[in-house]
Amino acid sequence: MAERYMLRCVLCGASPKVEARVYTCPRCGLDGTLDVCYDMSALRGRVTGETFEASGRRDLWRYESLLPVAARTSIPPLQVGWTPLYASAKLAETYGVAEVHVKDEGRNPTASLKDRASAVGVAKALDFEQKAIACASTGNAASSLAGFSAVADLPCYIFVPERAPAAKVAQLLVYGATVVLVRGNYAVAFDLATWAIERFGWYNRNCAINPYLVEGKKTCGLEIAEQLAWRMPHRIFISVGDGCCISGLYKAFRDLVDLGLIDTLPRLVGVQAEGCAPVAEAFDAGAERVTFRSGDTLADSIAVGAPRNWAKALRAVRESRGDMVRVTDGEILSAMTELARTAGVFGEPAGVTAFAGFRKMALAGKIGRDERVVIVVTGNGLKDVDSARKAVPEPILVEPDPEDLLRKLGNIAR
C-alpha cells in the first residue's frame, strides 16, 4: 500500500516503516509516540481553505487531504465532526474577555470528541485489513469505538475500569462490543488490554499508542480555524487525560502553519483535575517527562494517572506558549451548571473541566480583555448523569393537587 505520509518519533526523530502493527518507536518503546507527517512542501498551495470548502462535506472528512486514510471504502458511514462553535456574549461579558466561543463535541454520534479518533482508527484498521480492534478506556473512547466498529462490522474488545459510569458501559453493550470490566484503575486496564492485543493480534485503537488516532482528533482544531473564518483564537482550553486531545489540537495548528494558512499557534491551555494532574505537575516543574502516579477525580474521562501520550501533551503546551491549569472536583461540578445556564451546553465532568480552567484563569486576571478564547467541551453531560445530579438540588416533589403545588413552590414561581 503506497502511503501519503511517514511516521516520526517525537523523542528521537526516527522514522519507522509504516506497517499495521507499528504504533510506537522501536528504539524508544511506549514513550516514543509517533507523529504522522505529510509532505507539506507538496501540499502547500494545493491544500487551502477553499479546498476544504469545495469538498462540500460537513464532517471531518472535508479534511481528507490531511488525513492518513488510504481507501475511501474504509471510511465508516457515520457523520462525525463539524460540531457547533457557539459564541457566548454572556460569558465574554461575565469574565471580561473580548470573545468566548464554546465548541460542543457532545454533538458527535456517540456524544464525545473521541468519535473523531475512532472514525480514523477504524478506517485504518480496514486499510490494514485487520480482523478485530481493541482498546482500553475510561469510557468515552470505548463507547466511540463500539459504535464505529458496529457500523464497520468489525469485532471489538474493550477494557474499562470497573468504576466506569454505567451509561458508558451500557453504550458499549448496546453496540455489541465484548466488554471486559477490569478491577482497578485505567492504568491497570490499559496494561491488561495491551497484553491481550499482543496475545490475540487485535488492531490497537488506544489513542496514546496508535499515531493515527490523534490525526482524527486534530480535525477539531481544523474546524475551529474555519469556523472562526481563520481569525485564530488567542487561547484554546481543553481538558487533559492521556494527552491525546491537546496533542490533536497542536497537530492541527502545526499543520496549518506548515501549509501557510496561519502564522502562529494559538496558546493551548490544558486543564486537569487537582486529584489527577501528572501532566500539569510535570509542566509546572519544568520536567522533561511525566511521572506516573495514582490519582482520583470524579471526571472519569481524565482520571489518568499514567498518561501515555505525555510527550506530545507537553510539547503541545510548551511549543504553543500555553499553560496548564488544575481545578478541584468542586470547581468542575459548579462549571457543569454554569456552562449549561450561560452557553446552553451540557457537558460531562471531563468536558466542562476546560471551562472550569478558563474561569479560574479569567478570575485570576490571567487572560487579556482583548483576547479571543475557545473552550472545547469534549463530552455530553448525559454520559455521567450521576455527577450531574451532584451539581444540582433535588427536584420539587408534589401531590397532584394545586394547593400542594402552591405551597411547595412558595416564592419560586413568578
Protein backbone atom coordinates (compact mmCIF):
# COMPACT_ATOMS: atom_id res chain seq x y z
CA MET A 1 0.00 0.00 0.00
CA ALA A 2 1.56 3.32 -1.05
CA GLU A 3 1.26 5.83 1.78
CA ARG A 4 1.00 9.63 1.59
CA TYR A 5 2.79 10.11 4.89
CA MET A 6 5.65 8.96 7.07
CA LEU A 7 5.96 8.30 10.80
CA ARG A 8 8.41 10.13 13.08
CA CYS A 9 9.23 9.54 16.76
CA VAL A 10 8.62 12.60 18.96
CA LEU A 11 11.60 11.71 21.15
CA CYS A 12 14.43 10.57 18.86
CA GLY A 13 13.19 11.54 15.39
CA ALA A 14 13.44 8.03 13.96
CA SER A 15 11.08 7.11 11.09
CA PRO A 16 9.91 3.50 11.39
CA LYS A 17 8.31 1.70 8.49
CA VAL A 18 4.55 2.15 8.01
CA GLU A 19 3.01 -1.20 8.92
CA ALA A 20 -0.20 -2.33 10.58
CA ARG A 21 1.39 -3.20 13.93
CA VAL A 22 3.90 -0.34 14.10
CA TYR A 23 2.47 2.03 16.72
CA THR A 24 5.45 3.44 18.63
CA CYS A 25 9.17 3.92 18.06
CA PRO A 26 11.12 0.62 18.10
CA ARG A 27 14.02 2.47 19.77
CA CYS A 28 12.10 4.38 22.44
CA GLY A 29 9.34 1.90 23.23
CA LEU A 30 5.93 3.05 24.51
CA ASP A 31 7.25 6.53 25.36
CA GLY A 32 8.26 7.02 21.72
CA THR A 33 4.91 8.07 20.34
CA LEU A 34 4.86 8.81 16.63
CA ASP A 35 3.78 11.79 14.55
CA VAL A 36 2.08 11.27 11.20
CA CYS A 37 3.98 13.57 8.84
CA TYR A 38 2.82 14.66 5.38
CA ASP A 39 4.86 16.18 2.56
CA MET A 40 3.85 19.76 3.30
CA SER A 41 6.06 21.14 0.53
CA ALA A 42 3.90 19.22 -1.95
CA LEU A 43 0.63 20.19 -0.26
CA ARG A 44 1.42 23.87 0.31
CA GLY A 45 -0.54 25.92 -2.20
CA ARG A 46 -2.68 22.94 -3.19
CA VAL A 47 -4.48 22.50 0.13
CA THR A 48 -6.21 25.72 1.17
CA GLY A 49 -9.31 26.88 2.96
CA GLU A 50 -11.05 26.83 -0.40
CA THR A 51 -10.05 23.17 -0.77
CA PHE A 52 -11.92 22.27 2.40
CA GLU A 53 -14.99 24.28 1.42
CA ALA A 54 -15.02 22.84 -2.10
CA SER A 55 -15.36 19.33 -0.69
CA GLY A 56 -18.96 20.18 0.20
CA ARG A 57 -18.72 17.97 3.27
CA ARG A 58 -19.79 18.99 6.77
CA ASP A 59 -17.86 16.35 8.64
CA LEU A 60 -14.24 15.56 9.43
CA TRP A 61 -13.68 14.02 6.01
CA ARG A 62 -13.68 17.51 4.47
CA TYR A 63 -10.02 17.36 5.64
CA GLU A 64 -9.33 14.12 3.77
CA SER A 65 -6.19 15.61 2.19
CA LEU A 66 -4.70 15.94 5.71
CA LEU A 67 -5.76 12.52 6.98
CA PRO A 68 -3.88 9.21 6.65
CA VAL A 69 -6.73 7.04 5.32
CA ALA A 70 -5.85 5.25 2.10
CA ALA A 71 -9.19 3.93 0.83
CA ARG A 72 -12.49 5.83 0.84
CA THR A 73 -14.23 2.47 1.20
CA SER A 74 -12.64 2.24 4.66
CA ILE A 75 -14.45 5.33 5.94
CA PRO A 76 -17.23 4.40 8.43
CA PRO A 77 -20.70 5.70 7.41
CA LEU A 78 -21.35 7.90 10.46
CA GLN A 79 -21.32 11.69 10.36
CA VAL A 80 -18.52 12.87 12.63
CA GLY A 81 -17.37 16.41 13.23
CA TRP A 82 -18.43 19.87 12.10
CA THR A 83 -19.82 20.29 15.59
CA PRO A 84 -21.18 23.72 16.56
CA LEU A 85 -18.95 26.53 17.82
CA TYR A 86 -21.13 28.87 19.86
CA ALA A 87 -20.23 32.48 20.57
CA SER A 88 -21.24 33.36 24.15
CA ALA A 89 -21.61 37.07 24.72
CA LYS A 90 -22.74 36.34 28.28
CA LEU A 91 -19.52 34.50 29.18
CA ALA A 92 -17.41 37.17 27.48
CA GLU A 93 -19.10 39.90 29.49
CA THR A 94 -19.01 37.97 32.76
CA TYR A 95 -15.30 37.22 32.57
CA GLY A 96 -14.07 40.38 30.85
CA VAL A 97 -12.84 38.73 27.66
CA ALA A 98 -13.39 40.04 24.14
CA GLU A 99 -14.79 36.79 22.71
CA VAL A 100 -15.66 33.41 24.19
CA HIS A 101 -16.58 30.51 21.92
CA VAL A 102 -17.71 27.06 23.09
CA LYS A 103 -17.05 24.04 20.87
CA ASP A 104 -19.66 21.37 21.67
CA GLU A 105 -18.11 17.97 20.92
CA GLY A 106 -21.01 16.24 22.64
CA ARG A 107 -22.86 16.55 19.33
CA ASN A 108 -20.85 13.73 17.73
CA PRO A 109 -22.51 10.31 17.08
CA THR A 110 -21.63 8.71 20.43
CA ALA A 111 -21.52 12.11 22.17
CA SER A 112 -17.80 12.86 22.55
CA LEU A 113 -14.73 14.16 20.76
CA LYS A 114 -13.39 10.58 20.81
CA ASP A 115 -15.57 9.84 17.78
CA ARG A 116 -13.08 11.73 15.63
CA ALA A 117 -10.33 9.37 16.70
CA SER A 118 -12.43 6.22 16.33
CA ALA A 119 -13.54 7.18 12.82
CA VAL A 120 -9.92 7.33 11.68
CA GLY A 121 -8.86 4.36 13.81
CA VAL A 122 -11.50 2.05 12.37
CA ALA A 123 -10.71 3.30 8.86
CA LYS A 124 -7.02 2.47 9.37
CA ALA A 125 -7.90 -0.98 10.71
CA LEU A 126 -9.79 -1.62 7.48
CA ASP A 127 -6.96 -0.10 5.42
CA PHE A 128 -4.59 -2.59 7.04
CA GLU A 129 -7.13 -5.44 6.61
CA GLN A 130 -7.33 -6.13 10.34
CA LYS A 131 -9.90 -8.61 11.63
CA ALA A 132 -10.63 -7.09 15.07
CA ILE A 133 -9.87 -3.95 17.06
CA ALA A 134 -9.47 -3.25 20.78
CA CYS A 135 -8.71 -0.54 23.33
CA ALA A 136 -8.61 0.37 26.99
CA SER A 137 -10.69 3.35 28.03
CA THR A 138 -12.21 5.20 30.96
CA GLY A 139 -15.44 5.28 28.95
CA ASN A 140 -15.75 7.67 26.00
CA ALA A 141 -13.15 6.11 23.71
CA ALA A 142 -14.74 2.77 24.46
CA SER A 143 -18.29 3.76 23.52
CA SER A 144 -16.95 5.57 20.49
CA LEU A 145 -15.01 2.55 19.26
CA ALA A 146 -18.00 0.28 19.89
CA GLY A 147 -20.25 2.45 17.71
CA PHE A 148 -17.84 2.77 14.81
CA SER A 149 -16.88 -0.90 14.93
CA ALA A 150 -20.54 -1.82 14.76
CA VAL A 151 -21.19 0.08 11.52
CA ALA A 152 -17.93 -1.27 10.05
CA ASP A 153 -18.85 -4.86 11.03
CA LEU A 154 -15.51 -5.10 12.83
CA PRO A 155 -15.40 -7.12 16.09
CA CYS A 156 -14.13 -5.05 19.00
CA TYR A 157 -12.88 -5.78 22.50
CA ILE A 158 -12.94 -3.10 25.16
CA PHE A 159 -11.26 -2.96 28.57
CA VAL A 160 -12.65 -0.41 31.03
CA PRO A 161 -12.07 0.20 34.74
CA GLU A 162 -14.80 -1.30 36.91
CA ARG A 163 -15.79 2.18 38.13
CA ALA A 164 -16.66 3.44 34.61
CA PRO A 165 -20.08 5.19 34.58
CA ALA A 166 -22.98 2.82 33.91
CA ALA A 167 -24.26 4.93 31.00
CA LYS A 168 -20.98 4.50 29.15
CA VAL A 169 -20.84 0.75 29.78
CA ALA A 170 -24.44 0.47 28.57
CA GLN A 171 -23.46 2.11 25.28
CA LEU A 172 -20.74 -0.48 24.73
CA LEU A 173 -23.08 -3.38 25.30
CA VAL A 174 -25.82 -1.95 23.10
CA TYR A 175 -23.35 -1.55 20.23
CA GLY A 176 -22.37 -5.21 20.62
CA ALA A 177 -18.80 -4.85 21.90
CA THR A 178 -17.14 -7.52 24.01
CA VAL A 179 -16.67 -5.63 27.28
CA VAL A 180 -14.11 -6.53 29.94
CA LEU A 181 -14.56 -4.70 33.26
CA VAL A 182 -11.19 -4.62 34.99
CA ARG A 183 -10.88 -4.38 38.76
CA GLY A 184 -8.56 -1.39 39.13
CA ASN A 185 -7.88 1.98 37.53
CA TYR A 186 -7.26 2.99 33.93
CA ALA A 187 -3.55 2.14 34.09
CA VAL A 188 -4.36 -1.43 35.11
CA ALA A 189 -6.98 -1.75 32.35
CA PHE A 190 -4.51 -0.32 29.84
CA ASP A 191 -1.80 -2.82 30.75
CA LEU A 192 -4.19 -5.77 30.51
CA ALA A 193 -5.55 -4.54 27.17
CA THR A 194 -2.02 -4.13 25.83
CA TRP A 195 -1.22 -7.73 26.78
CA ALA A 196 -4.43 -9.03 25.17
CA ILE A 197 -3.92 -7.01 21.98
CA GLU A 198 -0.46 -8.52 21.57
CA ARG A 199 -1.63 -12.01 22.50
CA PHE A 200 -4.62 -12.14 20.14
CA GLY A 201 -3.32 -9.94 17.33
CA TRP A 202 -6.06 -7.30 17.51
CA TYR A 203 -5.60 -3.85 15.99
CA ASN A 204 -4.73 -1.33 18.73
CA ARG A 205 -7.11 1.63 18.94
CA ASN A 206 -5.50 3.10 22.06
CA CYS A 207 -5.07 6.75 21.09
CA ALA A 208 -1.92 7.26 23.13
CA ILE A 209 -0.28 4.37 21.27
CA ASN A 210 -1.74 4.42 17.76
CA PRO A 211 -0.49 7.56 15.93
CA TYR A 212 -3.44 7.73 13.53
CA LEU A 213 -5.97 8.47 16.26
CA VAL A 214 -4.50 11.92 17.02
CA GLU A 215 -4.96 12.70 13.33
CA GLY A 216 -8.69 12.24 13.81
CA LYS A 217 -8.69 14.46 16.88
CA LYS A 218 -6.82 17.22 15.08
CA THR A 219 -9.88 17.83 12.90
CA CYS A 220 -11.45 19.58 15.90
CA GLY A 221 -8.75 22.23 15.61
CA LEU A 222 -9.09 22.47 11.83
CA GLU A 223 -12.80 23.14 12.27
CA ILE A 224 -12.17 25.84 14.87
CA ALA A 225 -9.92 27.65 12.39
CA GLU A 226 -12.54 27.50 9.66
CA GLN A 227 -15.49 28.32 11.90
CA LEU A 228 -13.72 31.45 13.11
CA ALA A 229 -13.08 32.44 9.49
CA TRP A 230 -9.33 32.00 10.07
CA ARG A 231 -9.28 34.56 12.91
CA MET A 232 -7.17 32.47 15.21
CA PRO A 233 -8.11 32.34 18.91
CA HIS A 234 -5.53 33.62 21.34
CA ARG A 235 -6.14 30.67 23.67
CA ILE A 236 -7.87 27.31 23.49
CA PHE A 237 -8.82 25.48 26.70
CA ILE A 238 -9.20 21.71 26.70
CA SER A 239 -9.19 19.01 29.38
CA VAL A 240 -6.20 16.65 29.57
CA GLY A 241 -6.21 12.97 30.50
CA ASP A 242 -3.97 10.76 28.36
CA GLY A 243 -2.82 13.86 26.48
CA CYS A 244 -4.30 12.94 23.11
CA CYS A 245 -6.90 15.71 22.70
CA ILE A 246 -4.49 18.58 23.34
CA SER A 247 -1.98 16.80 21.09
CA GLY A 248 -4.61 16.73 18.36
CA LEU A 249 -5.18 20.48 18.63
CA TYR A 250 -1.44 21.10 18.45
CA LYS A 251 -1.15 18.90 15.34
CA ALA A 252 -4.00 20.76 13.65
CA PHE A 253 -2.45 24.18 14.06
CA ARG A 254 1.06 22.90 13.35
CA ASP A 255 -0.20 21.52 10.03
CA LEU A 256 -1.93 24.82 9.23
CA VAL A 257 1.27 26.77 9.94
CA ASP A 258 3.26 24.39 7.73
CA LEU A 259 0.70 24.87 4.95
CA GLY A 260 0.99 28.65 5.25
CA LEU A 261 -2.68 29.05 6.19
CA ILE A 262 -1.95 30.62 9.58
CA ASP A 263 1.10 32.38 11.00
CA THR A 264 1.29 31.29 14.64
CA LEU A 265 -0.06 28.66 17.01
CA PRO A 266 -2.84 29.60 19.45
CA ARG A 267 -1.84 29.19 23.09
CA LEU A 268 -3.06 25.76 24.18
CA VAL A 269 -4.17 25.54 27.80
CA GLY A 270 -4.52 22.04 29.24
CA VAL A 271 -6.78 21.65 32.26
CA GLN A 272 -6.53 18.75 34.69
CA ALA A 273 -8.37 17.77 37.85
CA GLU A 274 -6.44 18.60 41.01
CA GLY A 275 -6.68 14.98 42.15
CA CYS A 276 -5.13 13.57 38.97
CA ALA A 277 -2.75 16.05 37.34
CA PRO A 278 0.53 14.37 36.34
CA VAL A 279 0.95 16.41 33.14
CA ALA A 280 0.32 19.70 34.95
CA GLU A 281 2.80 18.70 37.65
CA ALA A 282 5.50 17.99 35.06
CA PHE A 283 4.79 21.24 33.22
CA ASP A 284 4.89 23.34 36.40
CA ALA A 285 8.16 21.69 37.45
CA GLY A 286 9.78 22.17 34.05
CA ALA A 287 10.36 18.41 33.92
CA GLU A 288 11.41 16.64 30.73
CA ARG A 289 8.97 13.80 31.30
CA VAL A 290 5.85 12.98 33.29
CA THR A 291 5.98 10.88 36.44
CA PHE A 292 3.16 8.35 36.56
CA ARG A 293 1.22 8.29 39.81
CA SER A 294 -2.15 7.26 41.17
CA GLY A 295 -4.89 9.86 41.23
CA ASP A 296 -8.59 10.30 41.69
CA THR A 297 -11.28 12.62 40.34
CA LEU A 298 -15.00 12.42 39.58
CA ALA A 299 -14.11 13.42 36.00
CA ASP A 300 -13.61 9.79 34.97
CA SER A 301 -12.60 10.55 31.37
CA ILE A 302 -9.48 12.35 32.57
CA ALA A 303 -8.75 10.15 35.60
CA VAL A 304 -5.46 9.09 34.04
CA GLY A 305 -2.51 8.82 36.38
CA ALA A 306 -0.30 7.25 33.71
CA PRO A 307 -0.79 9.43 30.59
CA ARG A 308 0.81 7.51 27.73
CA ASN A 309 0.83 10.48 25.36
CA TRP A 310 2.74 12.70 27.80
CA ALA A 311 5.48 13.66 25.34
CA LYS A 312 3.05 15.09 22.78
CA ALA A 313 0.99 16.78 25.50
CA LEU A 314 3.98 18.61 26.98
CA ARG A 315 5.16 19.59 23.51
CA ALA A 316 1.71 20.97 22.67
CA VAL A 317 1.65 23.27 25.69
CA ARG A 318 5.27 24.35 25.57
CA GLU A 319 5.62 24.98 21.85
CA SER A 320 2.35 26.91 21.74
CA ARG A 321 3.48 29.06 24.70
CA GLY A 322 0.44 27.76 26.54
CA ASP A 323 -0.22 26.75 30.11
CA MET A 324 -1.58 24.06 32.42
CA VAL A 325 -4.31 24.69 34.99
CA ARG A 326 -5.56 22.49 37.82
CA VAL A 327 -9.14 22.61 39.14
CA THR A 328 -10.89 20.85 42.01
CA ASP A 329 -13.80 18.45 41.66
CA GLY A 330 -15.97 21.11 43.28
CA GLU A 331 -14.97 23.62 40.61
CA ILE A 332 -15.77 21.03 37.94
CA LEU A 333 -19.26 20.41 39.35
CA SER A 334 -20.06 24.12 39.52
CA ALA A 335 -18.75 24.50 35.96
CA MET A 336 -21.33 21.97 34.75
CA THR A 337 -24.26 24.10 35.85
CA GLU A 338 -22.75 27.47 34.93
CA LEU A 339 -21.84 26.43 31.40
CA ALA A 340 -25.28 24.91 30.82
CA ARG A 341 -27.06 28.01 32.14
CA THR A 342 -24.97 30.52 30.19
CA ALA A 343 -23.94 28.85 26.94
CA GLY A 344 -26.62 26.14 26.86
CA VAL A 345 -24.04 23.34 26.60
CA PHE A 346 -24.45 20.33 28.92
CA GLY A 347 -21.07 18.73 29.40
CA GLU A 348 -19.89 15.76 31.42
CA PRO A 349 -17.33 16.45 34.17
CA ALA A 350 -14.28 15.96 31.96
CA GLY A 351 -15.94 18.01 29.24
CA VAL A 352 -16.54 21.06 31.43
CA THR A 353 -13.13 20.85 33.07
CA ALA A 354 -11.87 23.09 30.26
CA PHE A 355 -14.45 25.73 31.20
CA ALA A 356 -13.50 25.43 34.87
CA GLY A 357 -9.90 26.14 33.88
CA PHE A 358 -10.88 29.13 31.75
CA ARG A 359 -12.97 30.55 34.59
CA LYS A 360 -10.10 30.12 37.07
CA MET A 361 -7.59 31.89 34.82
CA ALA A 362 -10.01 34.68 33.95
CA LEU A 363 -10.88 35.37 37.58
CA ALA A 364 -7.17 35.48 38.38
CA GLY A 365 -6.67 38.16 35.73
CA LYS A 366 -4.50 35.93 33.53
CA ILE A 367 -6.48 36.45 30.31
CA GLY A 368 -6.31 39.75 28.43
CA ARG A 369 -9.50 41.73 27.87
CA ASP A 370 -8.81 41.79 24.13
CA GLU A 371 -8.42 38.02 23.79
CA ARG A 372 -10.46 35.59 21.72
CA VAL A 373 -10.93 32.32 23.60
CA VAL A 374 -12.24 28.89 22.61
CA ILE A 375 -13.37 26.31 25.18
CA VAL A 376 -13.64 22.73 23.93
CA VAL A 377 -16.29 20.66 25.72
CA THR A 378 -15.21 17.12 24.98
CA GLY A 379 -18.27 15.09 26.02
CA ASN A 380 -22.01 15.31 26.65
CA GLY A 381 -23.42 15.54 30.17
CA LEU A 382 -25.70 12.53 29.66
CA LYS A 383 -22.54 10.40 29.74
CA ASP A 384 -22.44 10.78 33.52
CA VAL A 385 -25.83 11.69 34.94
CA ASP A 386 -24.83 10.73 38.49
CA SER A 387 -22.24 13.51 38.57
CA ALA A 388 -24.70 15.96 37.08
CA ARG A 389 -27.16 15.19 39.87
CA LYS A 390 -24.47 16.06 42.43
CA ALA A 391 -24.21 19.53 40.93
CA VAL A 392 -27.89 20.44 41.30
CA PRO A 393 -30.60 20.47 44.01
CA GLU A 394 -33.31 17.84 44.19
CA PRO A 395 -36.50 18.43 42.16
CA ILE A 396 -39.68 19.52 43.91
CA LEU A 397 -42.00 16.58 44.61
CA VAL A 398 -45.70 17.48 44.82
CA GLU A 399 -49.03 15.74 45.06
CA PRO A 400 -51.34 16.09 42.04
CA ASP A 401 -53.05 18.94 43.87
CA PRO A 402 -52.92 22.70 43.08
CA GLU A 403 -52.81 23.61 46.78
CA ASP A 404 -49.78 21.40 47.38
CA LEU A 405 -48.12 22.89 44.28
CA LEU A 406 -48.68 26.46 45.52
CA ARG A 407 -47.46 25.57 48.99
CA LYS A 408 -44.22 23.96 47.82
CA LEU A 409 -43.40 26.41 45.04
CA GLY A 410 -43.63 29.23 47.55
CA ASN A 411 -41.88 32.30 46.21
CA ILE A 412 -40.14 30.43 43.38
CA ALA A 413 -42.95 30.85 40.85
CA ARG A 414 -43.12 34.17 39.05
